[in-house]
């Protein structure tokens, strides 16, 4: 199995990518979504974290919102070191929480590296989530990689090389799990700067 991951500036694009993965036959158990809770300034479904505080304890945020079957119906709230509160579903978030206690890289970076991403891309993807983007990952058979990459690329993912360059212009060097979580206002500013809506 190989892992294919993409980050999206808008949660709507990430949700569309997840739906496309499910339509392409990727089993729900092999798909993961991780979004910074602070994107609530932009997306009603994530804002509902505050309206459905019990979502993390069993019913799932997607279910609380009347979501249909599939991964998005199982969204819940987790805390991942370096990211703070996230709205997430799937295997990657579970690994990130479990890895936080002992992995050398720890948290989301360690989970992405364990899934086959380079350290550089793992840092960029993690930083992007910290700043308000949404990460989608899928585990697929080797012969399905190209097809699933094309499926995810159809929904406008962020170019990690360009995003890393943008971050470095601001003085960023790598993901710092000890950095403070972004506040909603900072996340909103970041989305505006990237061309998203607030």
N, C-alpha and C. Protein backbone atom coordinates (compact mmCIF):
# COMPACT_ATOMS: atom_id res chain seq x y z
N UNK A 1 0.85 -1.20 0.00
CA UNK A 1 0.00 0.00 0.00
C UNK A 1 0.88 1.24 0.00
N UNK A 2 0.44 2.27 -0.70
CA UNK A 2 1.09 3.57 -0.71
C UNK A 2 0.10 4.61 -0.20
N UNK A 3 0.64 5.69 0.36
CA UNK A 3 -0.20 6.78 0.84
C UNK A 3 -0.07 7.96 -0.11
N UNK A 4 -1.21 8.49 -0.52
CA UNK A 4 -1.27 9.69 -1.35
C UNK A 4 -1.90 10.78 -0.50
N UNK A 5 -1.21 11.91 -0.35
CA UNK A 5 -1.71 13.00 0.48
C UNK A 5 -1.71 14.31 -0.30
N UNK A 6 -2.70 15.14 -0.02
CA UNK A 6 -2.79 16.47 -0.59
C UNK A 6 -3.33 17.42 0.48
N UNK A 7 -2.96 18.70 0.36
CA UNK A 7 -3.52 19.73 1.24
C UNK A 7 -4.33 20.69 0.39
N UNK A 8 -5.39 21.21 1.00
CA UNK A 8 -6.31 22.11 0.30
C UNK A 8 -6.49 23.38 1.11
N UNK A 9 -6.53 24.50 0.41
CA UNK A 9 -6.74 25.78 1.09
C UNK A 9 -8.17 25.91 1.60
N UNK A 10 -9.11 25.27 0.93
CA UNK A 10 -10.49 25.36 1.40
C UNK A 10 -10.98 23.99 1.85
N UNK A 11 -11.73 24.00 2.90
CA UNK A 11 -12.30 22.77 3.43
C UNK A 11 -13.29 22.18 2.42
N UNK A 12 -13.97 23.05 1.68
CA UNK A 12 -14.92 22.58 0.67
C UNK A 12 -14.22 21.74 -0.39
N UNK A 13 -13.04 22.18 -0.84
CA UNK A 13 -12.28 21.40 -1.83
C UNK A 13 -11.86 20.06 -1.23
N UNK A 14 -11.44 20.07 0.02
CA UNK A 14 -11.03 18.83 0.68
C UNK A 14 -12.21 17.86 0.81
N UNK A 15 -13.37 18.39 1.17
CA UNK A 15 -14.56 17.54 1.28
C UNK A 15 -14.91 16.93 -0.08
N UNK A 16 -14.79 17.76 -1.13
CA UNK A 16 -15.07 17.25 -2.48
C UNK A 16 -14.08 16.16 -2.85
N UNK A 17 -12.82 16.33 -2.46
CA UNK A 17 -11.80 15.33 -2.73
C UNK A 17 -12.11 14.02 -2.01
N UNK A 18 -12.54 14.11 -0.76
CA UNK A 18 -12.92 12.91 0.00
C UNK A 18 -14.09 12.20 -0.68
N UNK A 19 -15.09 12.95 -1.07
CA UNK A 19 -16.24 12.36 -1.76
C UNK A 19 -15.81 11.68 -3.05
N UNK A 20 -14.87 12.31 -3.77
CA UNK A 20 -14.37 11.73 -5.02
C UNK A 20 -13.60 10.44 -4.76
N UNK A 21 -12.83 10.41 -3.68
CA UNK A 21 -12.12 9.18 -3.32
C UNK A 21 -13.10 8.05 -3.03
N UNK A 22 -14.15 8.36 -2.28
CA UNK A 22 -15.15 7.34 -1.97
C UNK A 22 -15.83 6.86 -3.25
N UNK A 23 -16.15 7.80 -4.16
CA UNK A 23 -16.78 7.44 -5.43
C UNK A 23 -15.83 6.61 -6.31
N UNK A 24 -14.52 6.82 -6.14
CA UNK A 24 -13.52 6.08 -6.90
C UNK A 24 -13.26 4.69 -6.33
N UNK A 25 -13.94 4.36 -5.24
CA UNK A 25 -13.82 3.02 -4.68
C UNK A 25 -12.81 2.86 -3.57
N UNK A 26 -12.23 3.96 -3.08
CA UNK A 26 -11.29 3.85 -1.96
C UNK A 26 -12.12 3.61 -0.69
N UNK A 27 -11.85 2.54 0.03
CA UNK A 27 -12.63 2.26 1.24
C UNK A 27 -12.49 3.37 2.28
N UNK A 28 -13.56 3.63 2.99
CA UNK A 28 -13.57 4.68 4.02
C UNK A 28 -12.43 4.50 5.02
N UNK A 29 -12.12 3.25 5.36
CA UNK A 29 -11.07 2.98 6.35
C UNK A 29 -9.69 3.42 5.87
N UNK A 30 -9.54 3.65 4.56
CA UNK A 30 -8.25 4.03 3.99
C UNK A 30 -8.15 5.52 3.64
N UNK A 31 -9.15 6.30 4.06
CA UNK A 31 -9.17 7.74 3.80
C UNK A 31 -9.07 8.47 5.13
N UNK A 32 -8.37 9.60 5.12
CA UNK A 32 -8.26 10.41 6.34
C UNK A 32 -8.36 11.88 5.97
N UNK A 33 -8.95 12.65 6.87
CA UNK A 33 -9.06 14.10 6.72
C UNK A 33 -8.69 14.74 8.05
N UNK A 34 -7.84 15.77 7.99
CA UNK A 34 -7.44 16.52 9.19
C UNK A 34 -7.53 18.00 8.86
N UNK A 35 -8.32 18.74 9.63
CA UNK A 35 -8.49 20.19 9.42
C UNK A 35 -8.32 20.92 10.74
N UNK A 36 -7.67 22.06 10.71
CA UNK A 36 -7.54 22.90 11.89
C UNK A 36 -8.92 23.38 12.32
N UNK A 37 -9.23 23.28 13.59
CA UNK A 37 -10.53 23.70 14.10
C UNK A 37 -10.79 25.17 13.81
N UNK A 38 -9.72 25.96 13.70
CA UNK A 38 -9.89 27.40 13.51
C UNK A 38 -10.47 27.76 12.15
N UNK A 39 -10.61 26.78 11.26
CA UNK A 39 -11.25 27.11 9.99
C UNK A 39 -12.72 27.38 10.19
N UNK A 40 -13.19 27.34 11.43
CA UNK A 40 -14.60 27.57 11.72
C UNK A 40 -15.07 28.94 11.27
N UNK A 41 -14.14 29.88 11.11
CA UNK A 41 -14.54 31.21 10.62
C UNK A 41 -15.04 31.12 9.19
N UNK A 42 -14.67 30.02 8.50
CA UNK A 42 -15.02 29.90 7.09
C UNK A 42 -16.07 28.85 6.79
N UNK A 43 -16.13 27.78 7.58
CA UNK A 43 -16.96 26.64 7.20
C UNK A 43 -17.98 26.30 8.26
N UNK A 44 -19.24 26.24 7.85
CA UNK A 44 -20.30 25.95 8.81
C UNK A 44 -20.13 24.61 9.50
N UNK A 45 -19.68 23.58 8.75
CA UNK A 45 -19.59 22.26 9.36
C UNK A 45 -18.55 22.22 10.47
N UNK A 46 -17.44 22.95 10.29
CA UNK A 46 -16.42 22.96 11.32
C UNK A 46 -16.82 23.86 12.46
N UNK A 47 -17.53 24.95 12.15
CA UNK A 47 -18.04 25.84 13.19
C UNK A 47 -18.94 25.06 14.15
N UNK A 48 -19.56 24.01 13.64
CA UNK A 48 -20.47 23.23 14.47
C UNK A 48 -19.77 22.51 15.60
N UNK A 49 -18.44 22.45 15.59
CA UNK A 49 -17.72 21.89 16.72
C UNK A 49 -18.17 22.56 18.01
N UNK A 50 -18.34 23.88 17.94
CA UNK A 50 -18.75 24.63 19.13
C UNK A 50 -20.21 24.37 19.48
N UNK A 51 -21.02 24.07 18.48
CA UNK A 51 -22.43 23.83 18.73
C UNK A 51 -22.72 22.39 19.12
N UNK A 52 -21.79 21.47 18.80
CA UNK A 52 -21.97 20.06 19.12
C UNK A 52 -20.75 19.55 19.89
N UNK A 53 -20.55 20.02 21.13
CA UNK A 53 -19.33 19.66 21.86
C UNK A 53 -19.20 18.16 22.14
N UNK A 54 -20.29 17.40 22.05
CA UNK A 54 -20.21 15.97 22.30
C UNK A 54 -19.79 15.18 21.08
N UNK A 55 -19.53 15.87 19.97
CA UNK A 55 -19.20 15.15 18.73
C UNK A 55 -17.97 14.29 18.90
N UNK A 56 -17.01 14.75 19.71
CA UNK A 56 -15.78 14.00 19.88
C UNK A 56 -15.95 12.78 20.76
N UNK A 57 -17.06 12.68 21.46
CA UNK A 57 -17.23 11.60 22.42
C UNK A 57 -18.06 10.44 21.89
N UNK A 58 -18.33 10.43 20.59
CA UNK A 58 -18.98 9.23 20.10
C UNK A 58 -19.86 9.41 18.89
N UNK A 59 -20.62 10.48 18.80
CA UNK A 59 -21.57 10.55 17.70
C UNK A 59 -20.93 11.03 16.41
N UNK A 60 -19.79 11.72 16.49
CA UNK A 60 -19.14 12.23 15.29
C UNK A 60 -19.76 13.54 14.85
N UNK A 61 -18.94 14.48 14.46
CA UNK A 61 -19.42 15.79 14.04
C UNK A 61 -20.29 15.69 12.81
N UNK A 62 -19.88 14.88 11.86
CA UNK A 62 -20.68 14.74 10.64
C UNK A 62 -22.07 14.20 10.93
N UNK A 63 -22.17 13.23 11.82
CA UNK A 63 -23.46 12.68 12.19
C UNK A 63 -24.31 13.72 12.90
N UNK A 64 -23.66 14.51 13.77
CA UNK A 64 -24.39 15.56 14.49
C UNK A 64 -25.00 16.55 13.52
N UNK A 65 -24.35 16.73 12.39
CA UNK A 65 -24.83 17.69 11.40
C UNK A 65 -25.75 17.06 10.37
N UNK A 66 -26.07 15.80 10.56
CA UNK A 66 -26.95 15.15 9.61
C UNK A 66 -26.23 14.68 8.37
N UNK A 67 -24.92 14.49 8.46
CA UNK A 67 -24.13 14.04 7.31
C UNK A 67 -24.52 12.64 6.91
N UNK A 68 -24.29 12.31 5.66
CA UNK A 68 -24.62 10.99 5.16
C UNK A 68 -23.56 9.97 5.53
N UNK A 69 -23.64 8.81 4.89
CA UNK A 69 -22.67 7.76 5.13
C UNK A 69 -21.31 8.18 4.60
N UNK A 70 -20.29 7.49 5.03
CA UNK A 70 -18.95 7.78 4.55
C UNK A 70 -18.11 8.48 5.59
N UNK A 71 -16.87 8.74 5.21
CA UNK A 71 -15.90 9.31 6.13
C UNK A 71 -16.36 10.63 6.74
N UNK A 72 -16.95 11.50 5.94
CA UNK A 72 -17.32 12.83 6.42
C UNK A 72 -18.38 12.78 7.52
N UNK A 73 -19.13 11.69 7.58
CA UNK A 73 -20.12 11.55 8.65
C UNK A 73 -19.46 11.25 9.99
N UNK A 74 -18.19 10.85 9.96
CA UNK A 74 -17.49 10.48 11.18
C UNK A 74 -16.55 11.54 11.71
N UNK A 75 -16.65 12.78 11.21
CA UNK A 75 -15.76 13.82 11.71
C UNK A 75 -15.91 14.01 13.21
N UNK A 76 -14.79 14.15 13.89
CA UNK A 76 -14.80 14.37 15.33
C UNK A 76 -13.68 15.33 15.70
N UNK A 77 -13.55 15.62 16.97
CA UNK A 77 -12.56 16.57 17.45
C UNK A 77 -11.44 15.83 18.17
N UNK A 78 -10.20 16.13 17.81
CA UNK A 78 -9.03 15.55 18.44
C UNK A 78 -8.04 16.66 18.77
N UNK A 79 -7.11 16.38 19.65
CA UNK A 79 -6.00 17.29 19.89
C UNK A 79 -4.73 16.61 19.42
N UNK A 80 -4.02 17.27 18.49
CA UNK A 80 -2.76 16.76 17.97
C UNK A 80 -1.68 17.76 18.33
N UNK A 81 -0.61 17.32 18.98
CA UNK A 81 0.45 18.26 19.37
C UNK A 81 0.96 19.07 18.18
N UNK A 82 1.10 20.37 18.40
CA UNK A 82 1.56 21.26 17.36
C UNK A 82 0.45 21.82 16.51
N UNK A 83 -0.70 21.13 16.52
CA UNK A 83 -1.86 21.61 15.77
C UNK A 83 -2.96 22.08 16.69
N UNK A 84 -2.99 21.56 17.90
CA UNK A 84 -4.09 21.88 18.81
C UNK A 84 -5.32 21.10 18.41
N UNK A 85 -6.49 21.72 18.57
CA UNK A 85 -7.74 21.05 18.22
C UNK A 85 -7.87 20.94 16.71
N UNK A 86 -8.20 19.75 16.26
CA UNK A 86 -8.45 19.52 14.85
C UNK A 86 -9.80 18.84 14.69
N UNK A 87 -10.39 19.04 13.53
CA UNK A 87 -11.57 18.30 13.13
C UNK A 87 -11.05 17.23 12.20
N UNK A 88 -11.28 15.97 12.54
CA UNK A 88 -10.61 14.91 11.81
C UNK A 88 -11.45 13.64 11.74
N UNK A 89 -11.08 12.81 10.78
CA UNK A 89 -11.63 11.46 10.67
C UNK A 89 -10.60 10.61 9.96
N UNK A 90 -10.55 9.35 10.31
CA UNK A 90 -9.70 8.42 9.58
C UNK A 90 -8.44 8.02 10.30
N UNK A 91 -7.69 7.16 9.63
CA UNK A 91 -6.53 6.48 10.19
C UNK A 91 -5.37 7.42 10.51
N UNK A 92 -5.12 8.44 9.69
CA UNK A 92 -3.95 9.29 9.90
C UNK A 92 -4.05 10.05 11.21
N UNK A 93 -5.21 10.59 11.50
CA UNK A 93 -5.39 11.33 12.75
C UNK A 93 -5.17 10.41 13.95
N UNK A 94 -5.65 9.18 13.86
CA UNK A 94 -5.45 8.24 14.96
C UNK A 94 -3.98 7.94 15.17
N UNK A 95 -3.23 7.77 14.08
CA UNK A 95 -1.79 7.52 14.19
C UNK A 95 -1.10 8.73 14.77
N UNK A 96 -1.49 9.94 14.33
CA UNK A 96 -0.85 11.17 14.81
C UNK A 96 -1.03 11.33 16.31
N UNK A 97 -2.21 11.02 16.80
CA UNK A 97 -2.46 11.13 18.24
C UNK A 97 -1.65 10.07 18.98
N UNK A 98 -1.62 8.84 18.46
CA UNK A 98 -0.87 7.77 19.10
C UNK A 98 0.63 7.98 19.04
N UNK A 99 1.11 8.55 17.92
CA UNK A 99 2.55 8.75 17.74
C UNK A 99 3.08 9.88 18.60
N UNK A 100 2.19 10.73 19.07
CA UNK A 100 2.63 11.91 19.80
C UNK A 100 3.43 11.55 21.05
N UNK A 101 3.12 10.42 21.64
CA UNK A 101 3.77 10.06 22.89
C UNK A 101 5.19 9.55 22.73
N UNK A 102 5.53 8.97 21.54
CA UNK A 102 6.84 8.35 21.49
C UNK A 102 7.64 8.47 20.22
N UNK A 103 7.00 8.81 19.11
CA UNK A 103 7.74 8.85 17.85
C UNK A 103 8.76 9.98 17.85
N UNK A 104 9.86 9.74 17.18
CA UNK A 104 10.92 10.76 17.13
C UNK A 104 10.41 12.04 16.52
N UNK A 105 9.71 11.93 15.39
CA UNK A 105 9.18 13.14 14.76
C UNK A 105 7.91 13.58 15.47
N UNK A 106 7.13 12.61 15.96
CA UNK A 106 5.94 12.91 16.74
C UNK A 106 4.77 13.42 15.93
N UNK A 107 3.60 13.35 16.53
CA UNK A 107 2.39 13.95 16.00
C UNK A 107 2.16 13.72 14.53
N UNK A 108 1.66 14.77 13.88
CA UNK A 108 1.26 14.66 12.49
C UNK A 108 2.46 14.47 11.57
N UNK A 109 3.59 15.11 11.87
CA UNK A 109 4.79 14.95 11.04
C UNK A 109 5.23 13.48 11.07
N UNK A 110 5.32 12.90 12.24
CA UNK A 110 5.72 11.50 12.36
C UNK A 110 4.76 10.58 11.64
N UNK A 111 3.47 10.85 11.75
CA UNK A 111 2.47 10.01 11.07
C UNK A 111 2.63 10.09 9.56
N UNK A 112 2.88 11.30 9.04
CA UNK A 112 3.05 11.46 7.59
C UNK A 112 4.33 10.80 7.10
N UNK A 113 5.41 10.94 7.87
CA UNK A 113 6.67 10.28 7.50
C UNK A 113 6.49 8.77 7.52
N UNK A 114 5.84 8.26 8.56
CA UNK A 114 5.58 6.81 8.63
C UNK A 114 4.73 6.34 7.44
N UNK A 115 3.89 7.25 6.92
CA UNK A 115 3.03 6.91 5.79
C UNK A 115 3.76 7.04 4.44
N UNK A 116 5.03 7.49 4.47
CA UNK A 116 5.82 7.53 3.25
C UNK A 116 6.12 8.90 2.68
N UNK A 117 5.66 9.97 3.32
CA UNK A 117 5.97 11.31 2.84
C UNK A 117 7.40 11.68 3.22
N UNK A 118 8.03 12.51 2.41
CA UNK A 118 9.36 13.01 2.77
C UNK A 118 9.23 13.92 3.99
N UNK A 119 10.33 14.08 4.73
CA UNK A 119 10.30 14.95 5.89
C UNK A 119 9.90 16.37 5.48
N UNK A 120 10.44 16.85 4.35
CA UNK A 120 10.14 18.21 3.92
C UNK A 120 8.65 18.39 3.65
N UNK A 121 8.05 17.46 2.89
CA UNK A 121 6.62 17.58 2.62
C UNK A 121 5.79 17.38 3.87
N UNK A 122 6.22 16.49 4.76
CA UNK A 122 5.50 16.30 6.02
C UNK A 122 5.48 17.59 6.83
N UNK A 123 6.62 18.30 6.85
CA UNK A 123 6.68 19.59 7.55
C UNK A 123 5.74 20.61 6.92
N UNK A 124 5.77 20.69 5.58
CA UNK A 124 4.93 21.67 4.88
C UNK A 124 3.45 21.35 5.09
N UNK A 125 3.08 20.09 4.94
CA UNK A 125 1.68 19.71 5.11
C UNK A 125 1.20 20.00 6.53
N UNK A 126 2.04 19.68 7.50
CA UNK A 126 1.67 19.92 8.90
C UNK A 126 1.53 21.41 9.19
N UNK A 127 2.47 22.20 8.69
CA UNK A 127 2.39 23.65 8.87
C UNK A 127 1.15 24.22 8.20
N UNK A 128 0.82 23.70 7.02
CA UNK A 128 -0.37 24.17 6.32
C UNK A 128 -1.63 23.89 7.13
N UNK A 129 -1.72 22.70 7.73
CA UNK A 129 -2.88 22.40 8.58
C UNK A 129 -2.89 23.33 9.79
N UNK A 130 -1.73 23.55 10.39
CA UNK A 130 -1.66 24.47 11.53
C UNK A 130 -2.19 25.84 11.16
N UNK A 131 -1.95 26.26 9.92
CA UNK A 131 -2.37 27.59 9.46
C UNK A 131 -3.79 27.61 8.90
N UNK A 132 -4.47 26.48 8.91
CA UNK A 132 -5.88 26.49 8.53
C UNK A 132 -6.25 25.70 7.29
N UNK A 133 -5.31 25.01 6.67
CA UNK A 133 -5.63 24.17 5.51
C UNK A 133 -6.20 22.83 5.96
N UNK A 134 -6.62 22.03 5.01
CA UNK A 134 -7.16 20.71 5.29
C UNK A 134 -6.35 19.66 4.54
N UNK A 135 -5.96 18.62 5.24
CA UNK A 135 -5.16 17.53 4.70
C UNK A 135 -6.07 16.33 4.40
N UNK A 136 -5.91 15.77 3.21
CA UNK A 136 -6.61 14.55 2.83
C UNK A 136 -5.56 13.51 2.45
N UNK A 137 -5.67 12.32 3.00
CA UNK A 137 -4.75 11.22 2.70
C UNK A 137 -5.53 9.96 2.38
N UNK A 138 -4.97 9.17 1.48
CA UNK A 138 -5.60 7.89 1.12
C UNK A 138 -4.53 6.82 1.01
N UNK A 139 -4.80 5.66 1.58
CA UNK A 139 -3.93 4.49 1.41
C UNK A 139 -4.49 3.67 0.27
N UNK A 140 -3.64 3.41 -0.73
CA UNK A 140 -4.11 2.70 -1.92
C UNK A 140 -3.07 1.68 -2.36
N UNK A 141 -3.50 0.72 -3.15
CA UNK A 141 -2.59 -0.26 -3.73
C UNK A 141 -1.64 0.46 -4.69
N UNK A 142 -0.44 -0.09 -4.83
CA UNK A 142 0.58 0.53 -5.67
C UNK A 142 0.05 0.86 -7.08
N UNK A 143 -0.69 -0.06 -7.68
CA UNK A 143 -1.15 0.15 -9.05
C UNK A 143 -2.25 1.20 -9.15
N UNK A 144 -2.79 1.66 -8.00
CA UNK A 144 -3.84 2.67 -8.00
C UNK A 144 -3.31 4.09 -7.74
N UNK A 145 -2.02 4.22 -7.46
CA UNK A 145 -1.47 5.51 -7.04
C UNK A 145 -1.73 6.61 -8.06
N UNK A 146 -1.42 6.37 -9.32
CA UNK A 146 -1.58 7.41 -10.35
C UNK A 146 -3.04 7.85 -10.48
N UNK A 147 -3.96 6.89 -10.44
CA UNK A 147 -5.38 7.22 -10.56
C UNK A 147 -5.85 8.05 -9.38
N UNK A 148 -5.42 7.70 -8.18
CA UNK A 148 -5.85 8.43 -6.98
C UNK A 148 -5.19 9.80 -6.92
N UNK A 149 -3.94 9.90 -7.34
CA UNK A 149 -3.30 11.22 -7.42
C UNK A 149 -4.09 12.13 -8.35
N UNK A 150 -4.50 11.61 -9.50
CA UNK A 150 -5.28 12.41 -10.45
C UNK A 150 -6.62 12.81 -9.85
N UNK A 151 -7.23 11.90 -9.11
CA UNK A 151 -8.51 12.21 -8.46
C UNK A 151 -8.35 13.37 -7.48
N UNK A 152 -7.32 13.30 -6.64
CA UNK A 152 -7.09 14.36 -5.66
C UNK A 152 -6.66 15.66 -6.34
N UNK A 153 -5.85 15.56 -7.38
CA UNK A 153 -5.37 16.75 -8.07
C UNK A 153 -6.48 17.50 -8.78
N UNK A 154 -7.56 16.81 -9.09
CA UNK A 154 -8.70 17.44 -9.76
C UNK A 154 -9.38 18.50 -8.89
N UNK A 155 -9.14 18.46 -7.59
CA UNK A 155 -9.84 19.35 -6.66
C UNK A 155 -8.98 20.51 -6.15
N UNK A 156 -7.92 20.84 -6.88
CA UNK A 156 -7.15 22.05 -6.61
C UNK A 156 -6.30 22.05 -5.36
N UNK A 157 -5.45 21.02 -5.17
CA UNK A 157 -4.61 21.02 -3.97
C UNK A 157 -3.52 22.08 -4.04
N UNK A 158 -2.95 22.36 -2.89
CA UNK A 158 -1.83 23.28 -2.76
C UNK A 158 -0.57 22.62 -3.32
N UNK A 159 0.26 23.39 -4.00
CA UNK A 159 1.57 22.90 -4.44
C UNK A 159 2.51 23.00 -3.24
N UNK A 160 2.97 21.86 -2.68
CA UNK A 160 3.79 21.93 -1.46
C UNK A 160 5.13 22.63 -1.67
N UNK A 161 5.69 22.55 -2.87
CA UNK A 161 6.97 23.23 -3.13
C UNK A 161 6.77 24.74 -3.10
N UNK A 162 5.72 25.23 -3.74
CA UNK A 162 5.43 26.66 -3.73
C UNK A 162 5.07 27.13 -2.33
N UNK A 163 4.28 26.33 -1.62
CA UNK A 163 3.87 26.73 -0.27
C UNK A 163 5.08 26.78 0.65
N UNK A 164 6.01 25.82 0.51
CA UNK A 164 7.23 25.83 1.33
C UNK A 164 8.03 27.09 1.03
N UNK A 165 8.11 27.45 -0.24
CA UNK A 165 8.83 28.68 -0.62
C UNK A 165 8.18 29.90 -0.01
N UNK A 166 6.86 29.96 -0.05
CA UNK A 166 6.13 31.09 0.56
C UNK A 166 6.41 31.17 2.06
N UNK A 167 6.37 30.02 2.73
CA UNK A 167 6.62 30.00 4.17
C UNK A 167 8.05 30.44 4.49
N UNK A 168 8.99 29.98 3.68
CA UNK A 168 10.40 30.34 3.94
C UNK A 168 10.64 31.83 3.78
N UNK A 169 9.92 32.47 2.89
CA UNK A 169 10.03 33.93 2.72
C UNK A 169 9.62 34.66 4.00
N UNK A 170 8.81 34.00 4.82
CA UNK A 170 8.36 34.57 6.09
C UNK A 170 9.29 34.21 7.24
N UNK A 171 10.34 33.44 6.95
CA UNK A 171 11.29 33.03 7.99
C UNK A 171 11.06 31.64 8.54
N UNK A 172 10.07 30.93 8.02
CA UNK A 172 9.77 29.56 8.46
C UNK A 172 10.86 28.61 7.98
N UNK A 173 11.23 27.65 8.81
CA UNK A 173 12.21 26.64 8.38
C UNK A 173 11.64 25.23 8.38
N UNK A 174 10.85 24.90 9.40
CA UNK A 174 10.22 23.59 9.46
C UNK A 174 9.07 23.65 10.47
N UNK A 175 8.26 22.62 10.45
CA UNK A 175 7.13 22.56 11.37
C UNK A 175 7.64 22.46 12.80
N UNK A 176 7.12 23.31 13.66
CA UNK A 176 7.51 23.32 15.06
C UNK A 176 6.30 22.91 15.91
N UNK A 177 6.30 21.68 16.44
CA UNK A 177 5.15 21.24 17.22
C UNK A 177 4.95 22.03 18.51
N UNK A 178 5.95 22.82 18.90
CA UNK A 178 5.82 23.63 20.11
C UNK A 178 5.33 25.05 19.80
N UNK A 179 5.19 25.37 18.52
CA UNK A 179 4.70 26.70 18.16
C UNK A 179 3.24 26.83 18.61
N UNK A 180 2.84 28.03 18.98
CA UNK A 180 1.45 28.21 19.41
C UNK A 180 0.48 27.96 18.26
N UNK A 181 -0.67 27.41 18.60
CA UNK A 181 -1.70 27.20 17.58
C UNK A 181 -2.16 28.55 17.06
N UNK A 182 -2.53 28.60 15.79
CA UNK A 182 -3.04 29.84 15.22
C UNK A 182 -4.38 30.18 15.85
N UNK A 183 -4.63 31.45 16.02
CA UNK A 183 -5.94 31.90 16.50
C UNK A 183 -6.84 32.06 15.29
N UNK A 184 -8.16 32.10 15.50
CA UNK A 184 -9.06 32.25 14.35
C UNK A 184 -8.75 33.48 13.51
N UNK A 185 -8.39 34.58 14.13
CA UNK A 185 -8.12 35.78 13.35
C UNK A 185 -6.89 35.59 12.47
N UNK A 186 -5.85 34.93 12.99
CA UNK A 186 -4.66 34.68 12.20
C UNK A 186 -4.96 33.70 11.06
N UNK A 187 -5.76 32.70 11.35
CA UNK A 187 -6.15 31.75 10.32
C UNK A 187 -6.94 32.45 9.23
N UNK A 188 -7.84 33.31 9.63
CA UNK A 188 -8.64 34.05 8.66
C UNK A 188 -7.73 34.89 7.77
N UNK A 189 -6.75 35.55 8.37
CA UNK A 189 -5.80 36.34 7.60
C UNK A 189 -5.02 35.46 6.63
N UNK A 190 -4.61 34.29 7.10
CA UNK A 190 -3.85 33.38 6.24
C UNK A 190 -4.68 32.95 5.04
N UNK A 191 -5.97 32.64 5.27
CA UNK A 191 -6.85 32.23 4.16
C UNK A 191 -7.02 33.37 3.17
N UNK A 192 -7.19 34.58 3.67
CA UNK A 192 -7.35 35.72 2.78
C UNK A 192 -6.09 35.91 1.94
N UNK A 193 -4.93 35.78 2.59
CA UNK A 193 -3.66 35.95 1.90
C UNK A 193 -3.49 34.90 0.81
N UNK A 194 -4.02 33.72 1.04
CA UNK A 194 -3.90 32.64 0.06
C UNK A 194 -5.00 32.67 -0.99
N UNK A 195 -5.91 33.63 -0.87
CA UNK A 195 -6.96 33.75 -1.88
C UNK A 195 -8.24 33.05 -1.51
N UNK A 196 -8.35 32.54 -0.28
CA UNK A 196 -9.58 31.91 0.16
C UNK A 196 -10.58 32.94 0.64
N UNK A 197 -11.72 32.48 1.10
CA UNK A 197 -12.72 33.39 1.64
C UNK A 197 -12.68 33.31 3.14
N UNK A 198 -13.15 34.35 3.80
CA UNK A 198 -13.13 34.37 5.26
C UNK A 198 -14.50 34.16 5.83
